[in-house]
Amino acid sequence: MTIVITVLLARSKFPSDAPTSSLVNHYLAGAGIASGIIVTPPAVLALTAYVLAPSMRHPFERLLLYPLFGSAALVFRFLSVTIWEPDPDPSPSGVNTAASLVDAAATSALVTSGIIVIATGILAGNFWLTLYFDSRRCHPYDHVALFLLGTAAAIRRERRRWHDDRQVTSWRASLEIVAIQVERDASLSRRTGIAEGSAHMELREEALRIAAVVRSHKRALAEAHSPRHVDAVVASLVDGLRAFCAGDRTALLANAPDQVPPRVIRFTRAALRVAPAAVLISAGILLPLVPAVAHSELASNLRWYLIVIGAIMFVTTREDLAAKISEAVAKVLLK
C-alpha cells in the first residue's frame, strides 16, 4: 500500500492549462479505460467458469478477488513505468494543451488502477486472514456444517415451491456446493498431509463417499412432488448436520456407497477436448517459424494442415469423421 501511494504521489499530474471540459472528459476516459482493462480478464475467467463448472460458482465468486487484484497490479505497474508523449503539434499552444490532456488521462488511469490495487489488496488480505484464523480456531467440519445449515434452511424456507423447476435446480446446485465442501474438509488434508499416503487416501475416499450421500439428495429433490417430500430431504440433511457437528464419521458413512466412481467434471472434459486442438493449432503457428521447416516448400501447407486439423478436433468429437477430413485435407495440402 505504501509503494502504491508513493507512486501515485510521484507520478500523478493534475494540469490546469487546458479547457475544463476537455480535462474532465480525459479524466473519465482514463478511468474508464483502466477499469475496463482491469475488469475484462477476471470477467472472462468468471464467465468461463460459470459455463464449464456451474457447481463451482459460489467458491469461485469468493476467489474472484485474486485475479482482479492481479489484473489491477499489472495495469498499475505498466502505467507507473510508462511515459506518454502527445503527437507533435506545430503550434506551441497545441503542444501544451495536448500534453496536459495526455497527463490528465494517464493520471486518471493510474489513480484508478492504484485505488483498485489498494482496495482489492485489503479485501484479499482480510479474506486470507479470516481463513487463517478460521483454520486455527474452528473445528474440522465447521465450514461444512455452516454450508449444510444454510442449504437446509433455504430448502425448508422455499419448500412450497417444489413445483418450480428453477427453484429445484437452485436447490440441487446448492447441494453440489455442499458436496464439494465435504470433499475438501472431510478429507482432513490439513491434519494428515499428502506425505502420509495411506491415511490421506483412506480419508479422501471416505470424503468422496460422504459427498456422494449429499449428492444423493439431488435426485430426491428432482423427484419431489409435494412439500412433504422436500421436508424429508431437509430432515435427512439435518441429520447429517448433527453428525458433522458431533464429528461422527461412522454416522456419516452409514448410508454411503462402498465405492464412488471417479467423476469427470465438465471443466475436465472441456480441457481434455481443447488441449489437443490447442497443441495442433499452436504447432501450426510455430513450427513453420523454425528455420529448417521455414525453407521447405511445404511450410505454408503444413501450417494450414495443422491449424485445420486442430479446428476439426475442437469442433467434433467423432474420431471417424475427424480422420476422414484429415485424410482429405492431407491429400490436398501435402500432396
Protein backbone atom coordinates (compact mmCIF):
# COMPACT_ATOMS: atom_id res chain seq x y z
CA MET A 1 0.00 0.00 0.00
CA THR A 2 2.84 2.39 0.84
CA ILE A 3 4.51 1.73 -2.51
CA VAL A 4 1.27 2.36 -4.39
CA ILE A 5 0.64 5.64 -2.58
CA THR A 6 4.25 6.74 -3.18
CA VAL A 7 3.98 6.03 -6.90
CA LEU A 8 0.66 7.86 -7.10
CA LEU A 9 2.11 10.94 -5.43
CA ALA A 10 5.22 10.88 -7.60
CA ARG A 11 3.62 10.21 -10.99
CA SER A 12 0.26 11.98 -10.74
CA LYS A 13 -0.13 15.18 -12.71
CA PHE A 14 -3.20 17.40 -12.48
CA PRO A 15 -2.81 20.04 -15.20
CA SER A 16 -4.78 23.27 -15.20
CA ASP A 17 -3.74 24.85 -18.50
CA ALA A 18 -6.34 23.02 -20.62
CA PRO A 19 -10.10 23.56 -21.01
CA THR A 20 -12.02 22.20 -18.04
CA SER A 21 -14.47 20.22 -20.16
CA SER A 22 -11.64 18.51 -22.06
CA LEU A 23 -9.83 17.70 -18.82
CA VAL A 24 -12.96 16.14 -17.32
CA ASN A 25 -13.52 14.07 -20.45
CA HIS A 26 -9.93 12.81 -20.41
CA TYR A 27 -10.09 12.04 -16.69
CA LEU A 28 -13.23 9.98 -17.28
CA ALA A 29 -11.74 8.31 -20.36
CA GLY A 30 -8.57 7.33 -18.49
CA ALA A 31 -10.53 5.92 -15.57
CA GLY A 32 -12.89 4.04 -17.89
CA ILE A 33 -10.11 2.50 -19.98
CA ALA A 34 -8.15 1.41 -16.90
CA SER A 35 -11.27 -0.08 -15.29
CA GLY A 36 -12.18 -1.91 -18.49
CA ILE A 37 -8.71 -3.43 -18.88
CA ILE A 38 -8.65 -4.48 -15.23
CA VAL A 39 -12.14 -6.00 -15.13
CA THR A 40 -12.09 -7.76 -18.52
CA PRO A 41 -9.74 -10.72 -17.70
CA PRO A 42 -11.48 -11.64 -14.41
CA ALA A 43 -14.87 -11.26 -16.12
CA VAL A 44 -13.85 -13.61 -18.94
CA LEU A 45 -12.48 -16.05 -16.37
CA ALA A 46 -15.71 -15.86 -14.36
CA LEU A 47 -17.93 -16.43 -17.39
CA THR A 48 -15.80 -19.39 -18.47
CA ALA A 49 -16.03 -20.94 -15.00
CA TYR A 50 -19.78 -20.33 -14.87
CA VAL A 51 -20.28 -22.10 -18.20
CA LEU A 52 -17.91 -25.01 -17.65
CA ALA A 53 -18.40 -25.59 -13.92
CA PRO A 54 -21.75 -24.20 -12.70
CA SER A 55 -21.45 -26.04 -9.39
CA MET A 56 -18.28 -24.08 -8.60
CA ARG A 57 -19.96 -20.68 -8.79
CA HIS A 58 -20.02 -19.97 -5.08
CA PRO A 59 -16.39 -20.96 -4.36
CA PHE A 60 -15.23 -19.14 -7.49
CA GLU A 61 -17.04 -15.95 -6.51
CA ARG A 62 -15.06 -15.95 -3.27
CA LEU A 63 -11.77 -16.38 -5.15
CA LEU A 64 -12.55 -13.89 -7.94
CA LEU A 65 -10.86 -11.21 -5.85
CA TYR A 66 -7.40 -12.62 -6.56
CA PRO A 67 -7.46 -12.37 -10.39
CA LEU A 68 -8.96 -8.90 -10.03
CA PHE A 69 -6.09 -7.89 -7.75
CA GLY A 70 -3.52 -9.39 -10.11
CA SER A 71 -5.00 -7.65 -13.13
CA ALA A 72 -5.07 -4.29 -11.34
CA ALA A 73 -1.47 -4.74 -10.17
CA LEU A 74 -0.26 -5.42 -13.71
CA VAL A 75 -2.07 -2.38 -15.13
CA PHE A 76 -0.80 -0.18 -12.31
CA ARG A 77 2.78 -1.34 -12.85
CA PHE A 78 2.54 -0.71 -16.60
CA LEU A 79 1.15 2.80 -16.09
CA SER A 80 3.70 3.63 -13.42
CA VAL A 81 6.71 2.95 -15.71
CA THR A 82 5.26 4.27 -18.96
CA ILE A 83 5.72 7.85 -20.12
CA TRP A 84 3.11 9.11 -22.57
CA GLU A 85 4.04 11.72 -25.14
CA PRO A 86 1.43 13.53 -27.28
CA ASP A 87 1.70 13.70 -31.05
CA PRO A 88 3.67 16.73 -32.23
CA ASP A 89 1.63 19.85 -32.99
CA PRO A 90 3.04 22.77 -34.99
CA SER A 91 1.52 25.38 -32.68
CA PRO A 92 3.12 25.83 -29.22
CA SER A 93 -0.23 26.18 -27.52
CA GLY A 94 -1.41 22.95 -29.15
CA VAL A 95 1.55 21.05 -27.77
CA ASN A 96 0.91 22.31 -24.26
CA THR A 97 -2.80 21.50 -24.44
CA ALA A 98 -2.23 18.02 -25.83
CA ALA A 99 0.39 17.25 -23.19
CA SER A 100 -1.99 18.40 -20.46
CA LEU A 101 -4.80 16.21 -21.75
CA VAL A 102 -2.50 13.19 -22.04
CA ASP A 103 -1.25 13.79 -18.50
CA ALA A 104 -4.85 14.03 -17.28
CA ALA A 105 -5.86 10.73 -18.88
CA ALA A 106 -2.70 8.94 -17.70
CA THR A 107 -3.07 10.28 -14.17
CA SER A 108 -6.73 9.25 -14.01
CA ALA A 109 -5.90 5.73 -15.23
CA LEU A 110 -3.01 5.45 -12.77
CA VAL A 111 -5.10 6.65 -9.83
CA THR A 112 -7.98 4.33 -10.76
CA SER A 113 -5.74 1.28 -11.00
CA GLY A 114 -3.97 2.25 -7.76
CA ILE A 115 -7.26 2.55 -5.89
CA ILE A 116 -8.35 -0.87 -7.18
CA VAL A 117 -5.00 -2.39 -6.17
CA ILE A 118 -5.30 -0.98 -2.63
CA ALA A 119 -8.97 -1.94 -2.26
CA THR A 120 -8.61 -5.49 -3.60
CA GLY A 121 -5.37 -5.95 -1.66
CA ILE A 122 -7.08 -5.03 1.60
CA LEU A 123 -10.04 -7.32 0.84
CA ALA A 124 -7.78 -10.21 -0.20
CA GLY A 125 -5.67 -9.77 2.93
CA ASN A 126 -8.76 -9.73 5.11
CA PHE A 127 -10.09 -12.83 3.34
CA TRP A 128 -6.78 -14.67 3.82
CA LEU A 129 -6.55 -13.71 7.49
CA THR A 130 -10.14 -14.84 8.03
CA LEU A 131 -9.36 -18.25 6.53
CA TYR A 132 -6.14 -18.46 8.55
CA PHE A 133 -7.80 -17.74 11.88
CA ASP A 134 -10.77 -19.93 10.99
CA SER A 135 -8.43 -22.84 10.35
CA ARG A 136 -6.81 -22.31 13.77
CA ARG A 137 -9.96 -21.74 15.80
CA CYS A 138 -12.67 -23.76 14.04
CA HIS A 139 -13.36 -27.46 14.23
CA PRO A 140 -12.60 -29.53 11.11
CA TYR A 141 -16.24 -29.72 9.96
CA ASP A 142 -17.45 -26.25 10.93
CA HIS A 143 -17.41 -24.92 7.37
CA VAL A 144 -19.32 -27.95 6.10
CA ALA A 145 -21.83 -27.56 8.91
CA LEU A 146 -22.42 -23.91 8.03
CA PHE A 147 -22.83 -24.69 4.33
CA LEU A 148 -25.19 -27.55 5.12
CA LEU A 149 -27.18 -25.48 7.61
CA GLY A 150 -27.66 -22.65 5.14
CA THR A 151 -28.71 -25.02 2.36
CA ALA A 152 -31.15 -26.94 4.55
CA ALA A 153 -32.68 -23.70 5.85
CA ALA A 154 -33.09 -22.33 2.31
CA ILE A 155 -34.75 -25.52 1.09
CA ARG A 156 -37.04 -25.62 4.14
CA ARG A 157 -38.00 -21.98 3.66
CA GLU A 158 -38.85 -22.42 -0.02
CA ARG A 159 -40.24 -25.95 0.15
CA ARG A 160 -43.67 -24.92 -1.19
CA ARG A 161 -42.01 -24.00 -4.48
CA TRP A 162 -41.22 -27.67 -5.16
CA HIS A 163 -43.10 -27.38 -8.49
CA ASP A 164 -40.81 -24.56 -9.72
CA ASP A 165 -38.15 -26.07 -11.96
CA ARG A 166 -35.77 -23.15 -11.49
CA GLN A 167 -36.08 -23.36 -7.72
CA VAL A 168 -35.36 -27.10 -7.69
CA THR A 169 -32.36 -26.52 -9.96
CA SER A 170 -31.10 -23.91 -7.48
CA TRP A 171 -31.50 -26.36 -4.60
CA ARG A 172 -29.56 -29.01 -6.50
CA ALA A 173 -26.76 -26.56 -7.26
CA SER A 174 -26.55 -25.65 -3.56
CA LEU A 175 -26.25 -29.32 -2.64
CA GLU A 176 -23.43 -29.70 -5.16
CA ILE A 177 -21.60 -26.84 -3.46
CA VAL A 178 -22.04 -28.58 -0.10
CA ALA A 179 -20.76 -31.84 -1.59
CA ILE A 180 -17.64 -30.10 -2.91
CA GLN A 181 -17.02 -28.58 0.52
CA VAL A 182 -17.45 -32.05 2.06
CA GLU A 183 -14.83 -33.46 -0.32
CA ARG A 184 -12.41 -30.78 0.82
CA ASP A 185 -12.98 -30.71 4.56
CA ALA A 186 -13.89 -34.34 5.27
CA SER A 187 -10.58 -35.49 3.80
CA LEU A 188 -8.82 -33.73 6.74
CA SER A 189 -5.90 -32.92 4.46
CA ARG A 190 -4.68 -30.18 6.82
CA ARG A 191 -4.18 -32.75 9.55
CA THR A 192 -2.68 -35.56 7.50
CA GLY A 193 -0.95 -34.01 4.52
CA ILE A 194 -0.24 -35.80 1.28
CA ALA A 195 3.03 -37.21 2.69
CA GLU A 196 1.05 -39.79 4.68
CA GLY A 197 -0.10 -41.65 1.59
CA SER A 198 -2.25 -44.42 3.06
CA ALA A 199 -4.04 -42.30 5.66
CA HIS A 200 -4.57 -39.47 3.20
CA MET A 201 -6.03 -41.76 0.53
CA GLU A 202 -8.29 -43.51 3.03
CA LEU A 203 -9.71 -40.25 4.36
CA ARG A 204 -10.03 -38.93 0.82
CA GLU A 205 -12.07 -41.95 -0.25
CA GLU A 206 -14.30 -41.59 2.80
CA ALA A 207 -14.81 -37.91 1.98
CA LEU A 208 -15.90 -38.84 -1.54
CA ARG A 209 -18.34 -41.39 -0.14
CA ILE A 210 -19.83 -38.84 2.28
CA ALA A 211 -20.10 -36.33 -0.56
CA ALA A 212 -21.95 -38.97 -2.56
CA VAL A 213 -24.55 -39.15 0.22
CA VAL A 214 -25.06 -35.40 -0.05
CA ARG A 215 -25.40 -35.67 -3.83
CA SER A 216 -27.95 -38.45 -3.49
CA HIS A 217 -30.42 -35.86 -2.17
CA LYS A 218 -30.31 -34.07 -5.53
CA ARG A 219 -32.32 -36.84 -7.14
CA ALA A 220 -34.82 -36.83 -4.29
CA LEU A 221 -35.39 -33.12 -4.85
CA ALA A 222 -35.78 -33.64 -8.60
CA GLU A 223 -38.41 -36.36 -7.99
CA ALA A 224 -40.28 -34.47 -5.25
CA HIS A 225 -43.97 -33.85 -5.99
CA SER A 226 -45.11 -32.31 -2.72
CA PRO A 227 -43.72 -30.22 0.17
CA ARG A 228 -43.71 -33.40 2.25
CA HIS A 229 -41.04 -34.97 0.03
CA VAL A 230 -38.94 -31.82 0.31
CA ASP A 231 -39.31 -31.93 4.10
CA ALA A 232 -37.94 -35.49 4.06
CA VAL A 233 -34.82 -34.26 2.27
CA VAL A 234 -34.44 -31.42 4.78
CA ALA A 235 -34.76 -33.87 7.69
CA SER A 236 -32.04 -36.06 6.21
CA LEU A 237 -29.78 -33.03 5.74
CA VAL A 238 -30.35 -32.01 9.36
CA ASP A 239 -29.35 -35.50 10.50
CA GLY A 240 -26.16 -35.12 8.51
CA LEU A 241 -25.63 -31.69 10.06
CA ARG A 242 -25.84 -33.21 13.56
CA ALA A 243 -23.32 -35.88 12.58
CA PHE A 244 -20.90 -33.26 11.25
CA CYS A 245 -21.25 -31.16 14.40
CA ALA A 246 -20.56 -34.24 16.52
CA GLY A 247 -17.68 -35.34 14.28
CA ASP A 248 -19.36 -38.74 13.91
CA ARG A 249 -17.85 -40.18 10.73
CA THR A 250 -19.45 -43.54 11.43
CA ALA A 251 -22.92 -41.99 11.16
CA LEU A 252 -21.89 -40.04 8.07
CA LEU A 253 -20.67 -43.22 6.37
CA ALA A 254 -23.64 -45.34 7.44
CA ASN A 255 -25.60 -44.76 4.22
CA ALA A 256 -22.60 -44.06 2.00
CA PRO A 257 -21.85 -46.26 -1.03
CA ASP A 258 -18.94 -48.66 -0.72
CA GLN A 259 -17.19 -47.15 -3.72
CA VAL A 260 -17.58 -43.93 -5.62
CA PRO A 261 -16.77 -43.93 -9.34
CA PRO A 262 -14.44 -41.13 -10.40
CA ARG A 263 -16.27 -38.03 -11.53
CA VAL A 264 -15.17 -36.23 -14.66
CA ILE A 265 -16.48 -32.72 -14.27
CA ARG A 266 -17.43 -30.57 -17.23
CA PHE A 267 -14.31 -28.46 -16.89
CA THR A 268 -12.10 -31.54 -17.15
CA ARG A 269 -13.99 -32.81 -20.18
CA ALA A 270 -13.63 -29.43 -21.86
CA ALA A 271 -9.92 -29.28 -21.02
CA LEU A 272 -9.34 -32.78 -22.43
CA ARG A 273 -11.09 -31.73 -25.60
CA VAL A 274 -9.45 -28.34 -26.01
CA ALA A 275 -5.85 -29.30 -25.12
CA PRO A 276 -5.05 -31.48 -28.20
CA ALA A 277 -6.68 -28.95 -30.52
CA ALA A 278 -4.73 -26.11 -28.92
CA VAL A 279 -1.47 -28.05 -29.30
CA LEU A 280 -2.08 -28.66 -33.01
CA ILE A 281 -3.06 -25.06 -33.70
CA SER A 282 -0.02 -23.80 -31.78
CA ALA A 283 2.20 -26.20 -33.71
CA GLY A 284 0.72 -24.95 -36.96
CA ILE A 285 1.62 -21.40 -35.99
CA LEU A 286 5.07 -22.06 -34.51
CA LEU A 287 6.58 -24.97 -36.47
CA PRO A 288 6.82 -23.12 -39.80
CA LEU A 289 8.85 -20.46 -37.98
CA VAL A 290 11.65 -22.97 -37.36
CA PRO A 291 14.39 -22.25 -39.93
CA ALA A 292 14.69 -25.86 -41.07
CA VAL A 293 10.95 -26.01 -41.71
CA ALA A 294 10.51 -22.45 -42.95
CA HIS A 295 12.74 -23.05 -46.00
CA SER A 296 10.72 -26.07 -47.00
CA GLU A 297 8.25 -25.79 -49.86
CA LEU A 298 5.55 -27.36 -47.71
CA ALA A 299 5.90 -24.91 -44.79
CA SER A 300 2.75 -22.98 -45.63
CA ASN A 301 0.78 -26.14 -46.36
CA LEU A 302 1.97 -27.70 -43.09
CA ARG A 303 0.82 -24.65 -41.17
CA TRP A 304 -2.68 -24.76 -42.61
CA TYR A 305 -2.90 -28.54 -42.27
CA LEU A 306 -2.15 -28.45 -38.55
CA ILE A 307 -4.47 -25.49 -37.95
CA VAL A 308 -7.34 -27.15 -39.83
CA ILE A 309 -6.87 -30.46 -38.00
CA GLY A 310 -6.80 -28.64 -34.66
CA ALA A 311 -10.01 -26.81 -35.52
CA ILE A 312 -11.67 -30.09 -36.56
CA MET A 313 -10.68 -31.76 -33.28
CA PHE A 314 -12.13 -28.81 -31.38
CA VAL A 315 -15.43 -28.82 -33.29
CA THR A 316 -16.23 -32.53 -33.40
CA THR A 317 -15.71 -35.45 -31.03
CA ARG A 318 -16.29 -38.13 -33.70
CA GLU A 319 -12.91 -39.69 -34.39
CA ASP A 320 -14.03 -41.35 -37.64
CA LEU A 321 -15.26 -38.04 -39.08
CA ALA A 322 -12.11 -36.22 -37.98
CA ALA A 323 -9.94 -38.94 -39.56
CA LYS A 324 -11.77 -38.71 -42.90
CA ILE A 325 -11.49 -34.94 -43.01
CA SER A 326 -7.80 -35.14 -42.04
CA GLU A 327 -7.09 -37.55 -44.88
CA ALA A 328 -8.88 -35.30 -47.37
CA VAL A 329 -7.01 -32.20 -46.20
CA ALA A 330 -3.67 -34.07 -46.29
CA LYS A 331 -4.25 -35.14 -49.90
CA VAL A 332 -4.91 -31.54 -50.92
CA LEU A 333 -2.22 -29.70 -48.92
CA LEU A 334 0.57 -32.26 -48.60
CA LYS A 335 0.44 -33.94 -51.99
